[in-house]
Amino acid sequence: MRVSKLFGKTLRDDPADAEVASHRLMLKAGMIHQAAAGIYSYLPLAWRSLRKIEQIIREEMDVAGGQEVRLSALQPRELWDASGRTEILGPQLFQLEDRRDRPLVLAPTHEELLLTMVKANVHSYRDLPMILYQIQTKFRDEPRPRAGLMRVREFDMKDAYSFDIDEDGLDVAYQAMVRAYRKIYARCGLDAIMVEADSGAIGGKDSHEFVLLADSGEDTVLLCEACGYAANAERAAFTKPPLPEEEPLPLEEVHTPGVTTIDGLAEFLGISAAKTFKAVFYMADGEFVFVAIRGDLDVNEVKLRNALAASELRLATPAEVESAGIVAGSASPVGLSGVRTVVDDSVHLGSNFVVGANRHDYHLRNANYPRDFKADMVADIALAEDGYICPSCDSRLKARRGIEVGHVFKLGTRYSEPFGAYFPDADGNDRPIIMGCYGIGVGRMLAAAIEQHHDDKGIKFPAPIAPYHASLVALNVADPEVVACAEDVYARLGEAGIEVLYDDRSETAGVKFNDADLLGLPLRIVVSARNLAQDAVEVKGRSESVAAAVPKADIVDRVREMLSGSYPQEAER
């Protein structure tokens, strides 16, 4: 492709509204066009990269035994009502009606529709196992689309689904998908790690995310360098430090004028925050919930929502707190009645806690569970943070930011039972199909690759997903010898199957070099009068600081050699 004919223009200045590097660089490089908030069109450079990512995904899915299908993005809402996810997804679900007033949705994922298709075609245990996958457009009405392709409302995703007769078969399929994902990321030149994750609206008993570590990432992951434990902050466990054992002391009231925070209470009484229990108030599916947790810990709202089996969870407003009869700033479960109460299991790791007295300016010393208060539920609802103790060893966890680029789920019978997707086993007994679900966001992979591979000059594309293999730059196109040599190199590389973006414009060397660095193709080949005087052309890798003079006759072999080392193999992790 000649740059003079390429659709899309590079920008000299950074876009004003770009929040992260990938968004800024893709706009600046002329790769994407924003149609509306969270809705993007792909220009040729981006589309070439996305097609390469898709091809790698297809190859590894096929090797893992997958069969590609294509499902409709427009679906009857009754399918989503049957699974309960119309309510679970709420406003994220795009809903509409056709001309006959029949309710429809634009699918954010495809478990429901695919299961109905499988149900119609699986008549015996002999029809299982199977893995079906597609690369399809999804729609989610994100409340805060941001960061270019990282969080959007319309996106392309590879979603795969496994169907088995039992849990053992699901384990085999799950591990096959994990291996395929590792190969996909390695072949794309991405350093992704697998972490334990929350299943979210998809559901199921187990799930893992694949994450690219990047400061711009929306997710927080907790890592242990000693034993390899890794989990998303939404899921991460940790060892909560126990307090010294004490004999339970009598409950007593203490005057705490003007003290309404844990830090203020600890300072006023000369104790550590771990010796207190704080109250946090939530609304879960419209019900007021009183949450109590040790003062040195914070609530993990995903754990809390899962413990409550709630579709919607939010902090209660001051008016809702007052309406529930709660004294904010001096609240505790002691003497509380008529309010649903959830207590973190850190209540078992200490005694004689200081808690609110449920009246202004007073607290209680020596509160002990279950002597002084009860709970409707005791569960781990604490948020893991940097420096906390690893749940698998005694080392400290490290918090890192990351970008989710894939998610795998063990769904079990989460969807097959509600949809009546059963099969007769070898004894003729009907049993529910056991499912797994496996997703990769294709556009997000491209954005994440740029987040992980760029510098202050521009993108540094991994070779397997670069739109082209090399930038060919002709300096001074008014010189016939330069043009003739550049045309010859362009033709020879093309005949050898090497993809070249040929900058044939009448621009200055500075503009051409800046654009080559911005686009970030793996190699830059420069044809100039100075190099031609030595019967050579200049070749430089995007990450290298020094260019090499290569004889014109050897250019194809040298480029092949340089590219051959740019295609990573599977990374074991």
Protein backbone atom coordinates (compact mmCIF):
# COMPACT_ATOMS: atom_id res chain seq x y z
CA MET A 1 0.00 0.00 0.00
CA ARG A 2 1.19 3.49 -0.91
CA VAL A 3 0.74 6.11 1.80
CA SER A 4 -0.42 8.57 -0.85
CA LYS A 5 -3.42 6.28 -1.48
CA LEU A 6 -4.04 5.20 2.13
CA PHE A 7 -7.42 6.19 3.57
CA GLY A 8 -6.93 8.03 6.84
CA LYS A 9 -4.62 10.86 7.82
CA THR A 10 -2.14 11.15 10.65
CA LEU A 11 -2.44 14.10 13.02
CA ARG A 12 0.39 16.39 14.01
CA ASP A 13 -1.05 17.20 17.45
CA ASP A 14 -2.43 14.95 20.18
CA PRO A 15 -6.24 14.69 20.29
CA ALA A 16 -7.55 16.76 23.19
CA ASP A 17 -10.08 14.25 24.50
CA ALA A 18 -7.93 11.09 24.49
CA GLU A 19 -7.49 9.68 28.00
CA VAL A 20 -5.02 6.83 27.46
CA ALA A 21 -2.12 6.11 25.13
CA SER A 22 -3.94 3.65 22.86
CA HIS A 23 -6.84 6.05 22.31
CA ARG A 24 -4.50 8.96 21.62
CA LEU A 25 -2.22 7.02 19.28
CA MET A 26 -4.99 5.30 17.32
CA LEU A 27 -6.68 8.63 16.67
CA LYS A 28 -3.39 10.32 15.86
CA ALA A 29 -2.36 7.49 13.51
CA GLY A 30 -5.66 7.61 11.61
CA MET A 31 -6.76 4.14 12.71
CA ILE A 32 -10.20 4.80 14.20
CA HIS A 33 -13.04 7.30 13.83
CA GLN A 34 -15.42 8.09 16.66
CA ALA A 35 -19.09 8.04 15.64
CA ALA A 36 -20.45 8.69 19.16
CA ALA A 37 -19.45 8.06 22.76
CA GLY A 38 -18.20 4.48 22.93
CA ILE A 39 -18.89 3.82 19.24
CA TYR A 40 -15.98 3.62 16.77
CA SER A 41 -15.41 2.82 13.12
CA TYR A 42 -12.19 1.13 12.01
CA LEU A 43 -10.07 2.63 9.25
CA PRO A 44 -7.86 0.39 7.05
CA LEU A 45 -4.82 0.26 9.37
CA ALA A 46 -6.84 -0.80 12.39
CA TRP A 47 -8.95 -3.23 10.37
CA ARG A 48 -5.85 -5.00 9.03
CA SER A 49 -4.57 -5.50 12.58
CA LEU A 50 -7.95 -6.70 13.81
CA ARG A 51 -8.20 -9.22 10.98
CA LYS A 52 -4.80 -10.61 11.94
CA ILE A 53 -5.87 -10.93 15.56
CA GLU A 54 -9.06 -12.67 14.45
CA GLN A 55 -7.11 -15.08 12.26
CA ILE A 56 -4.81 -16.06 15.11
CA ILE A 57 -7.87 -16.59 17.32
CA ARG A 58 -9.58 -18.72 14.68
CA GLU A 59 -6.52 -20.90 14.18
CA GLU A 60 -6.12 -21.62 17.88
CA MET A 61 -9.84 -22.18 18.42
CA ASP A 62 -9.85 -24.68 15.56
CA VAL A 63 -6.81 -26.48 16.97
CA ALA A 64 -8.62 -26.72 20.32
CA GLY A 65 -11.54 -28.46 18.61
CA GLY A 66 -13.84 -25.48 18.13
CA GLN A 67 -16.34 -25.13 15.30
CA GLU A 68 -17.12 -21.61 14.10
CA VAL A 69 -20.73 -20.42 13.92
CA ARG A 70 -22.43 -17.06 13.48
CA LEU A 71 -25.38 -16.09 15.66
CA SER A 72 -27.75 -13.16 15.28
CA ALA A 73 -27.02 -10.02 17.25
CA LEU A 74 -30.74 -9.12 17.29
CA GLN A 75 -32.60 -11.48 19.61
CA PRO A 76 -36.06 -11.95 21.17
CA ARG A 77 -36.08 -10.49 24.67
CA GLU A 78 -37.96 -13.54 25.95
CA LEU A 79 -34.68 -15.48 25.84
CA TRP A 80 -33.14 -12.99 28.26
CA ASP A 81 -36.23 -12.97 30.44
CA ALA A 82 -35.96 -16.76 30.70
CA SER A 83 -32.37 -16.59 31.97
CA GLY A 84 -33.11 -13.67 34.29
CA ARG A 85 -30.48 -11.51 32.68
CA THR A 86 -32.87 -8.82 31.46
CA GLU A 87 -33.07 -7.74 35.07
CA ILE A 88 -29.43 -8.54 35.92
CA LEU A 89 -28.00 -6.44 33.08
CA GLY A 90 -30.62 -3.75 33.51
CA PRO A 91 -29.81 -0.52 31.62
CA GLN A 92 -26.70 -2.07 30.01
CA LEU A 93 -29.01 -4.15 27.81
CA PHE A 94 -30.01 -2.37 24.59
CA GLN A 95 -33.75 -2.99 24.19
CA LEU A 96 -36.09 -2.14 21.32
CA GLU A 97 -39.32 -3.22 19.65
CA ASP A 98 -40.06 -4.17 16.09
CA ARG A 99 -42.97 -2.80 14.05
CA ARG A 100 -45.28 -5.38 15.63
CA ASP A 101 -44.30 -4.27 19.15
CA ARG A 102 -42.37 -7.47 19.85
CA PRO A 103 -39.56 -6.81 22.37
CA LEU A 104 -36.01 -7.41 21.13
CA VAL A 105 -32.50 -6.89 22.46
CA LEU A 106 -29.11 -6.23 20.90
CA ALA A 107 -27.11 -9.05 22.40
CA PRO A 108 -24.21 -8.26 24.76
CA THR A 109 -23.30 -11.97 24.68
CA HIS A 110 -24.84 -15.15 23.29
CA GLU A 111 -25.31 -17.87 25.93
CA GLU A 112 -29.11 -17.88 25.67
CA LEU A 113 -29.46 -18.06 21.89
CA LEU A 114 -26.66 -20.56 21.41
CA LEU A 115 -28.12 -22.84 24.07
CA THR A 116 -31.48 -22.94 22.30
CA MET A 117 -29.65 -23.91 19.10
CA VAL A 118 -27.67 -26.62 20.86
CA LYS A 119 -30.81 -27.89 22.60
CA ALA A 120 -32.43 -28.39 19.19
CA ASN A 121 -29.46 -30.38 17.89
CA VAL A 122 -28.24 -32.48 20.85
CA HIS A 123 -30.37 -35.63 21.17
CA SER A 124 -27.99 -37.96 23.00
CA TYR A 125 -24.81 -38.13 25.05
CA ARG A 126 -23.18 -39.25 21.81
CA ASP A 127 -23.61 -35.70 20.45
CA LEU A 128 -21.31 -34.38 23.20
CA PRO A 129 -18.79 -32.95 23.89
CA MET A 130 -18.53 -30.00 21.51
CA ILE A 131 -17.07 -26.50 21.38
CA LEU A 132 -18.73 -23.78 19.30
CA TYR A 133 -17.37 -20.29 18.80
CA GLN A 134 -17.98 -17.11 16.84
CA ILE A 135 -16.49 -13.66 16.29
CA GLN A 136 -19.47 -11.37 16.49
CA THR A 137 -20.47 -7.80 17.31
CA LYS A 138 -21.80 -7.22 20.83
CA PHE A 139 -23.68 -4.28 22.32
CA ARG A 140 -23.62 -3.00 25.90
CA ASP A 141 -24.92 0.40 26.95
CA GLU A 142 -21.96 1.25 29.15
CA PRO A 143 -22.77 4.09 31.56
CA ARG A 144 -19.29 5.60 31.17
CA PRO A 145 -17.64 4.60 27.87
CA ARG A 146 -14.02 5.72 27.97
CA ALA A 147 -10.46 5.19 26.81
CA GLY A 148 -11.11 4.56 23.14
CA LEU A 149 -11.58 0.86 22.42
CA MET A 150 -11.07 -0.15 26.06
CA ARG A 151 -14.66 0.47 27.19
CA VAL A 152 -17.17 0.85 24.39
CA ARG A 153 -20.83 0.25 23.63
CA GLU A 154 -20.33 -1.68 20.39
CA PHE A 155 -17.46 -4.14 20.11
CA ASP A 156 -16.29 -7.34 18.43
CA MET A 157 -15.77 -10.37 20.61
CA LYS A 158 -14.76 -13.96 20.18
CA ASP A 159 -17.10 -15.97 22.36
CA ALA A 160 -16.75 -19.74 22.61
CA TYR A 161 -18.95 -22.24 24.44
CA SER A 162 -18.24 -25.79 25.50
CA PHE A 163 -20.91 -28.44 26.06
CA ASP A 164 -20.18 -31.59 28.05
CA ILE A 165 -21.89 -34.48 29.77
CA ASP A 166 -20.25 -33.95 33.18
CA GLU A 167 -17.92 -31.79 35.25
CA ASP A 168 -14.87 -33.82 34.26
CA GLY A 169 -15.55 -33.03 30.63
CA LEU A 170 -15.95 -29.34 31.50
CA ASP A 171 -12.56 -29.40 33.22
CA VAL A 172 -10.97 -30.83 30.05
CA ALA A 173 -12.61 -28.19 27.84
CA TYR A 174 -11.72 -25.41 30.27
CA GLN A 175 -8.05 -26.35 30.29
CA ALA A 176 -8.05 -26.67 26.49
CA MET A 177 -9.38 -23.12 26.24
CA VAL A 178 -6.82 -21.85 28.75
CA ARG A 179 -4.03 -23.37 26.64
CA ALA A 180 -5.52 -21.86 23.49
CA TYR A 181 -5.71 -18.44 25.13
CA ARG A 182 -2.08 -18.59 26.21
CA LYS A 183 -1.10 -19.39 22.62
CA ILE A 184 -3.27 -16.59 21.23
CA TYR A 185 -1.73 -13.94 23.45
CA ALA A 186 1.80 -15.23 22.88
CA ARG A 187 1.32 -15.29 19.10
CA CYS A 188 -0.03 -11.75 19.24
CA GLY A 189 3.08 -10.64 21.12
CA LEU A 190 1.15 -9.84 24.31
CA ASP A 191 2.33 -10.62 27.83
CA ALA A 192 -0.94 -11.68 29.47
CA ILE A 193 -1.27 -13.28 32.90
CA MET A 194 -4.15 -15.42 34.13
CA VAL A 195 -5.85 -14.36 37.37
CA GLU A 196 -8.81 -15.59 39.40
CA ALA A 197 -11.87 -13.49 38.66
CA ASP A 198 -15.48 -12.82 39.55
CA SER A 199 -18.06 -14.27 37.16
CA GLY A 200 -20.24 -11.16 37.15
CA ALA A 201 -23.42 -11.17 35.08
CA ILE A 202 -22.29 -14.24 33.11
CA GLY A 203 -22.63 -16.44 36.19
CA GLY A 204 -21.10 -19.81 36.91
CA LYS A 205 -18.94 -21.22 39.67
CA ASP A 206 -15.36 -20.53 38.52
CA SER A 207 -13.75 -18.01 36.23
CA HIS A 208 -10.37 -16.58 35.29
CA GLU A 209 -9.36 -13.41 33.50
CA PHE A 210 -6.40 -12.85 31.23
CA VAL A 211 -4.88 -9.47 32.03
CA LEU A 212 -2.20 -7.28 30.44
CA LEU A 213 -0.43 -5.28 33.11
CA ALA A 214 -0.58 -1.58 32.26
CA ASP A 215 -0.83 1.58 34.34
CA SER A 216 -3.80 2.70 32.25
CA GLY A 217 -5.78 -0.45 33.03
CA GLU A 218 -9.18 -0.23 34.70
CA ASP A 219 -8.75 -3.43 36.70
CA THR A 220 -6.67 -3.96 39.81
CA VAL A 221 -5.00 -7.34 40.22
CA LEU A 222 -3.28 -8.71 43.31
CA LEU A 223 -0.13 -10.72 42.61
CA CYS A 224 2.15 -12.79 44.81
CA GLU A 225 5.65 -13.03 43.41
CA ALA A 226 6.58 -15.81 45.85
CA CYS A 227 3.93 -18.44 45.04
CA GLY A 228 2.28 -17.11 41.87
CA TYR A 229 -1.15 -16.42 43.34
CA ALA A 230 -3.00 -13.93 41.13
CA ALA A 231 -6.54 -12.60 41.34
CA ASN A 232 -8.63 -9.67 40.28
CA ALA A 233 -9.34 -7.34 43.19
CA GLU A 234 -13.03 -8.19 42.82
CA ARG A 235 -12.22 -11.82 43.67
CA ALA A 236 -8.93 -11.72 45.56
CA ALA A 237 -8.68 -13.39 48.93
CA PHE A 238 -6.07 -12.57 51.57
CA THR A 239 -5.07 -13.65 55.03
CA LYS A 240 -6.61 -11.26 57.53
CA PRO A 241 -4.26 -10.69 60.45
CA PRO A 242 -5.76 -11.90 63.74
CA LEU A 243 -5.65 -9.68 66.79
CA PRO A 244 -4.13 -10.88 70.09
CA GLU A 245 -6.48 -13.12 72.04
CA GLU A 246 -8.28 -11.44 74.92
CA GLU A 247 -10.86 -12.53 77.44
CA PRO A 248 -14.24 -10.96 76.65
CA LEU A 249 -14.83 -7.90 78.79
CA PRO A 250 -18.15 -6.35 79.83
CA LEU A 251 -19.81 -4.09 77.30
CA GLU A 252 -19.51 -0.44 78.32
CA GLU A 253 -20.55 2.87 76.84
CA VAL A 254 -18.04 5.66 76.21
CA HIS A 255 -18.71 9.30 75.38
CA THR A 256 -17.12 10.26 72.03
CA PRO A 257 -18.24 13.82 71.28
CA GLY A 258 -18.00 14.76 67.62
CA VAL A 259 -16.32 11.47 66.63
CA THR A 260 -17.94 9.99 63.49
CA THR A 261 -15.05 8.31 61.62
CA ILE A 262 -12.89 5.26 62.27
CA ASP A 263 -9.66 7.29 62.16
CA GLY A 264 -11.10 9.82 64.56
CA LEU A 265 -12.37 7.08 66.89
CA ALA A 266 -9.02 5.27 66.91
CA GLU A 267 -7.18 8.50 67.68
CA PHE A 268 -9.67 9.56 70.38
CA LEU A 269 -9.42 6.23 72.23
CA GLY A 270 -5.75 5.56 71.50
CA ILE A 271 -6.40 2.23 69.77
CA SER A 272 -5.72 0.78 66.32
CA ALA A 273 -8.39 0.82 63.63
CA ALA A 274 -8.34 -3.00 63.75
CA LYS A 275 -9.90 -2.82 67.21
CA THR A 276 -12.99 -1.12 65.81
CA PHE A 277 -15.90 -2.25 63.67
CA LYS A 278 -17.31 0.20 61.15
CA ALA A 279 -20.73 0.35 59.55
CA VAL A 280 -21.46 0.83 55.85
CA PHE A 281 -24.98 1.06 54.45
CA TYR A 282 -26.21 -0.31 51.13
CA MET A 283 -29.34 -0.80 49.08
CA ALA A 284 -29.46 -4.28 47.54
CA ASP A 285 -32.28 -4.73 45.03
CA GLY A 286 -34.23 -2.08 46.93
CA GLU A 287 -33.61 -3.54 50.41
CA PHE A 288 -31.62 -1.66 53.05
CA VAL A 289 -28.57 -3.66 54.22
CA PHE A 290 -26.40 -2.89 57.24
CA VAL A 291 -22.80 -4.01 56.69
CA ALA A 292 -20.23 -4.23 59.48
CA ILE A 293 -16.51 -4.83 58.90
CA ARG A 294 -13.35 -4.46 60.94
CA GLY A 295 -12.12 -0.89 60.93
CA ASP A 296 -8.80 -1.62 59.20
CA LEU A 297 -10.56 -3.22 56.19
CA ASP A 298 -12.77 -1.95 53.37
CA VAL A 299 -15.84 -3.53 51.81
CA ASN A 300 -15.45 -5.36 48.49
CA GLU A 301 -18.77 -4.54 46.87
CA VAL A 302 -18.52 -7.37 44.34
CA LYS A 303 -18.08 -9.92 47.12
CA LEU A 304 -20.95 -8.32 49.00
CA ARG A 305 -23.24 -8.35 45.97
CA ASN A 306 -22.43 -12.01 45.35
CA ALA A 307 -23.02 -12.92 48.99
CA LEU A 308 -26.42 -11.23 48.84
CA ALA A 309 -27.19 -12.69 45.39
CA ALA A 310 -28.19 -9.15 44.45
CA SER A 311 -28.63 -7.85 40.92
CA GLU A 312 -28.11 -4.22 41.94
CA LEU A 313 -26.03 -2.92 44.83
CA ARG A 314 -25.30 0.69 45.72
CA LEU A 315 -24.49 2.82 48.73
CA ALA A 316 -27.57 4.01 50.58
CA THR A 317 -28.34 7.72 50.46
CA PRO A 318 -28.41 9.78 53.68
CA ALA A 319 -32.21 9.89 53.41
CA GLU A 320 -32.40 6.09 53.13
CA VAL A 321 -30.09 5.70 56.14
CA GLU A 322 -32.25 8.03 58.19
CA SER A 323 -35.43 6.30 57.04
CA ALA A 324 -34.02 2.97 58.29
CA GLY A 325 -33.57 4.50 61.74
CA ILE A 326 -29.77 4.34 61.59
CA VAL A 327 -27.59 6.88 63.42
CA ALA A 328 -24.82 7.53 60.89
CA GLY A 329 -21.41 7.96 62.51
CA SER A 330 -22.39 5.99 65.63
CA ALA A 331 -24.05 2.90 64.16
CA SER A 332 -23.43 -0.79 64.95
CA PRO A 333 -25.32 -4.10 64.89
CA VAL A 334 -25.60 -4.07 68.70
CA GLY A 335 -29.28 -3.94 69.57
CA LEU A 336 -30.23 -3.58 65.91
CA SER A 337 -33.45 -5.24 64.78
CA GLY A 338 -35.59 -5.28 61.66
CA VAL A 339 -32.62 -4.55 59.38
CA ARG A 340 -30.79 -7.11 57.27
CA THR A 341 -27.24 -7.34 58.60
CA VAL A 342 -24.07 -8.69 56.96
CA VAL A 343 -20.86 -8.94 58.99
CA ASP A 344 -17.38 -9.60 57.61
CA ASP A 345 -15.73 -12.78 58.88
CA SER A 346 -12.97 -10.65 60.41
CA VAL A 347 -15.33 -10.55 63.38
CA HIS A 348 -13.88 -13.96 64.30
CA LEU A 349 -10.31 -12.59 64.38
CA GLY A 350 -10.54 -10.37 67.41
CA SER A 351 -12.55 -9.48 70.47
CA ASN A 352 -13.56 -6.53 72.60
CA PHE A 353 -14.18 -4.30 69.57
CA VAL A 354 -15.24 -0.68 69.77
CA VAL A 355 -18.51 -0.13 67.87
CA GLY A 356 -21.17 2.53 67.57
CA ALA A 357 -23.75 2.85 70.38
CA ASN A 358 -26.52 3.77 67.93
CA ARG A 359 -26.84 7.23 69.45
CA HIS A 360 -24.98 10.40 68.64
CA ASP A 361 -21.60 11.01 70.34
CA TYR A 362 -21.43 7.57 71.97
CA HIS A 363 -19.67 4.30 71.22
CA LEU A 364 -19.44 0.93 72.93
CA ARG A 365 -16.29 -0.78 74.15
CA ASN A 366 -15.82 -4.54 74.31
CA ALA A 367 -18.42 -5.62 71.75
CA ASN A 368 -18.11 -9.33 70.98
CA TYR A 369 -19.80 -11.56 68.44
CA PRO A 370 -22.12 -13.38 68.94
CA ARG A 371 -22.54 -12.36 72.57
CA ASP A 372 -23.54 -8.75 71.88
CA PHE A 373 -24.89 -8.78 68.34
CA LYS A 374 -26.13 -11.15 65.67
CA ALA A 375 -25.94 -11.17 61.88
CA ASP A 376 -28.10 -12.51 59.08
CA MET A 377 -24.88 -13.45 57.29
CA VAL A 378 -21.17 -13.70 58.14
CA ALA A 379 -18.98 -13.82 55.03
CA ASP A 380 -15.71 -12.64 53.50
CA ILE A 381 -16.68 -9.26 52.08
CA ALA A 382 -13.29 -7.53 52.50
CA LEU A 383 -11.29 -5.88 49.72
CA ALA A 384 -7.73 -7.12 49.18
CA GLU A 385 -5.17 -4.35 48.86
CA ASP A 386 -1.48 -3.84 48.20
CA GLY A 387 0.69 -5.22 51.02
CA TYR A 388 -1.91 -7.62 52.41
CA ILE A 389 -0.84 -11.19 53.16
CA CYS A 390 -1.15 -13.74 50.34
CA PRO A 391 -3.81 -16.41 51.04
CA SER A 392 -1.50 -19.15 49.76
CA CYS A 393 1.75 -18.22 51.54
CA ASP A 394 3.11 -15.66 53.99
CA SER A 395 4.34 -13.19 51.37
CA ARG A 396 2.84 -9.79 50.66
CA LEU A 397 0.50 -9.17 47.74
CA LYS A 398 1.34 -6.50 45.19
CA ALA A 399 -1.42 -4.49 43.53
CA ARG A 400 -1.02 -3.75 39.82
CA ARG A 401 -3.24 -2.11 37.25
CA GLY A 402 -4.25 -4.23 34.28
CA ILE A 403 -6.42 -4.52 31.18
CA GLU A 404 -8.74 -7.50 30.87
CA VAL A 405 -8.27 -9.07 27.42
CA GLY A 406 -10.06 -12.37 27.98
CA HIS A 407 -12.33 -14.20 30.41
CA VAL A 408 -13.14 -17.90 30.83
CA PHE A 409 -16.06 -19.25 32.88
CA LYS A 410 -17.27 -22.58 34.18
CA LEU A 411 -21.00 -22.10 33.77
CA GLY A 412 -22.07 -25.62 34.78
CA THR A 413 -25.86 -25.80 34.53
CA ARG A 414 -26.42 -22.05 35.03
CA TYR A 415 -28.23 -21.81 31.66
CA SER A 416 -28.99 -25.38 30.64
CA GLU A 417 -31.41 -26.04 33.50
CA PRO A 418 -33.57 -22.89 33.05
CA PHE A 419 -33.73 -23.57 29.30
CA GLY A 420 -34.43 -27.27 29.67
CA ALA A 421 -31.30 -28.25 27.74
CA TYR A 422 -31.08 -31.91 28.77
CA PHE A 423 -29.72 -35.00 27.07
CA PRO A 424 -30.35 -38.73 27.66
CA ASP A 425 -27.26 -40.43 29.07
CA ALA A 426 -26.14 -44.02 28.36
CA ASP A 427 -28.79 -45.31 30.81
CA GLY A 428 -31.54 -43.23 29.29
CA ASN A 429 -31.69 -40.71 32.13
CA ASP A 430 -32.11 -37.03 31.27
CA ARG A 431 -29.22 -34.87 32.49
CA PRO A 432 -28.49 -31.15 32.01
CA ILE A 433 -25.75 -30.14 29.59
CA ILE A 434 -22.65 -28.82 31.39
CA MET A 435 -21.43 -25.56 29.87
CA GLY A 436 -18.33 -23.38 29.76
CA CYS A 437 -18.00 -19.91 28.25
CA TYR A 438 -14.83 -18.25 26.91
CA GLY A 439 -14.53 -14.66 25.64
CA ILE A 440 -11.89 -12.42 24.06
CA GLY A 441 -12.52 -8.77 23.19
CA VAL A 442 -10.87 -8.31 19.79
CA GLY A 443 -10.84 -4.51 19.69
CA ARG A 444 -9.72 -4.33 23.29
CA MET A 445 -6.83 -6.67 22.44
CA LEU A 446 -5.64 -4.20 19.82
CA ALA A 447 -5.92 -1.30 22.25
CA ALA A 448 -4.22 -3.28 25.02
CA ALA A 449 -1.37 -4.22 22.66
CA ILE A 450 -0.75 -0.54 22.02
CA GLU A 451 -0.93 0.24 25.75
CA GLN A 452 1.74 -2.40 26.34
CA HIS A 453 3.84 -1.54 23.27
CA HIS A 454 4.43 2.17 22.69
CA ASP A 455 6.86 4.95 23.47
CA ASP A 456 6.82 8.74 23.31
CA LYS A 457 7.11 8.62 19.50
CA GLY A 458 4.19 6.30 18.83
CA ILE A 459 3.06 2.71 18.56
CA LYS A 460 5.48 -0.25 18.58
CA PHE A 461 3.39 -2.98 16.99
CA PRO A 462 4.18 -6.63 17.72
CA ALA A 463 4.96 -8.05 14.28
CA PRO A 464 2.16 -10.66 14.15
CA ILE A 465 -0.59 -8.05 14.50
CA ALA A 466 1.04 -5.06 12.78
CA PRO A 467 -1.02 -3.73 9.85
CA TYR A 468 2.08 -4.05 7.67
CA HIS A 469 5.49 -5.58 8.25
CA ALA A 470 7.54 -2.57 7.22
CA SER A 471 7.47 1.12 6.45
CA LEU A 472 9.33 1.93 3.23
CA VAL A 473 10.39 5.57 3.20
CA ALA A 474 11.66 7.24 0.04
CA LEU A 475 13.52 10.46 0.81
CA ASN A 476 13.36 13.16 -1.88
CA VAL A 477 10.93 11.67 -4.40
CA ALA A 478 12.10 14.28 -6.90
CA ASP A 479 15.25 12.19 -7.35
CA PRO A 480 14.60 9.58 -10.11
CA GLU A 481 17.23 7.18 -8.74
CA VAL A 482 15.65 7.22 -5.26
CA VAL A 483 12.19 6.61 -6.72
CA ALA A 484 13.43 3.81 -9.00
CA CYS A 485 15.19 2.05 -6.11
CA ALA A 486 12.20 2.46 -3.78
CA GLU A 487 9.84 1.07 -6.42
CA ASP A 488 12.16 -1.89 -6.97
CA VAL A 489 12.40 -2.65 -3.23
CA TYR A 490 8.63 -2.27 -2.88
CA ALA A 491 7.99 -4.73 -5.71
CA ARG A 492 10.55 -7.30 -4.54
CA LEU A 493 9.32 -7.29 -0.96
CA GLY A 494 5.73 -7.61 -2.12
CA GLU A 495 6.60 -10.58 -4.34
CA ALA A 496 8.25 -12.20 -1.32
CA GLY A 497 5.02 -11.90 0.68
CA ILE A 498 6.28 -9.09 2.90
CA GLU A 499 3.63 -6.47 3.59
CA VAL A 500 4.97 -2.96 2.99
CA LEU A 501 3.51 0.49 3.59
CA TYR A 502 5.34 2.64 1.04
CA ASP A 503 5.59 6.35 1.89
CA ASP A 504 5.78 7.84 -1.58
CA ARG A 505 4.57 11.30 -0.57
CA SER A 506 6.35 14.56 -1.38
CA GLU A 507 6.93 15.30 2.29
CA THR A 508 10.04 16.19 4.26
CA ALA A 509 12.19 13.51 5.85
CA GLY A 510 11.08 14.68 9.29
CA VAL A 511 7.39 14.23 8.50
CA LYS A 512 7.95 10.79 7.02
CA PHE A 513 10.11 9.59 9.90
CA ASN A 514 7.65 10.93 12.46
CA ASP A 515 4.76 9.16 10.75
CA ALA A 516 6.74 5.92 10.51
CA ASP A 517 7.46 6.05 14.23
CA LEU A 518 3.84 6.96 15.00
CA LEU A 519 2.45 4.03 13.00
CA GLY A 520 4.99 1.77 14.67
CA LEU A 521 5.47 -0.97 12.07
CA PRO A 522 8.17 -3.49 13.04
CA LEU A 523 10.73 -2.32 10.45
CA ARG A 524 11.61 0.93 8.73
CA ILE A 525 13.39 0.80 5.36
CA VAL A 526 14.83 4.07 4.06
CA VAL A 527 15.91 4.75 0.49
CA SER A 528 18.00 7.91 0.11
CA ALA A 529 20.60 9.33 -2.27
CA ARG A 530 23.28 8.96 0.43
CA ASN A 531 22.61 5.23 0.88
CA LEU A 532 22.36 4.65 -2.84
CA ALA A 533 25.88 6.00 -3.20
CA GLN A 534 26.91 2.88 -1.28
CA ASP A 535 24.49 0.68 -3.27
CA ALA A 536 22.56 0.07 -0.05
CA VAL A 537 19.35 0.89 1.76
CA GLU A 538 18.89 1.56 5.47
CA VAL A 539 16.96 -0.86 7.69
CA LYS A 540 16.02 -0.32 11.33
CA GLY A 541 13.75 -2.11 13.78
CA ARG A 542 11.13 0.08 15.48
CA SER A 543 12.65 -0.63 18.89
CA GLU A 544 16.24 -0.18 17.75
CA SER A 545 18.21 3.05 17.92
CA VAL A 546 20.76 2.31 15.18
CA ALA A 547 20.02 1.58 11.53
CA ALA A 548 22.01 -0.87 9.40
CA ALA A 549 23.08 -0.36 5.80
CA VAL A 550 21.96 -3.39 3.77
CA PRO A 551 23.05 -4.07 0.17
CA LYS A 552 20.10 -3.66 -2.17
CA ALA A 553 20.52 -7.20 -3.45
CA ASP A 554 20.17 -8.60 0.10
CA ILE A 555 17.17 -6.57 1.23
CA VAL A 556 14.57 -9.35 0.97
CA ASP A 557 16.68 -11.87 2.87
CA ARG A 558 17.61 -9.35 5.56
CA VAL A 559 14.00 -8.25 6.11
CA ARG A 560 12.87 -11.88 6.31
CA GLU A 561 15.61 -12.58 8.83
CA MET A 562 14.69 -9.60 10.99
CA LEU A 563 11.00 -10.43 10.92
CA SER A 564 11.55 -14.11 11.70
CA GLY A 565 12.70 -13.21 15.20
CA SER A 566 9.62 -11.07 15.80
CA TYR A 567 7.05 -13.86 15.96
CA PRO A 568 6.97 -15.11 19.58
CA GLN A 569 6.09 -18.67 20.43
CA GLU A 570 3.80 -19.72 23.27
CA ALA A 571 4.83 -18.30 26.62
CA GLU A 572 4.56 -20.71 29.53
CA ARG A 573 3.19 -19.13 32.66
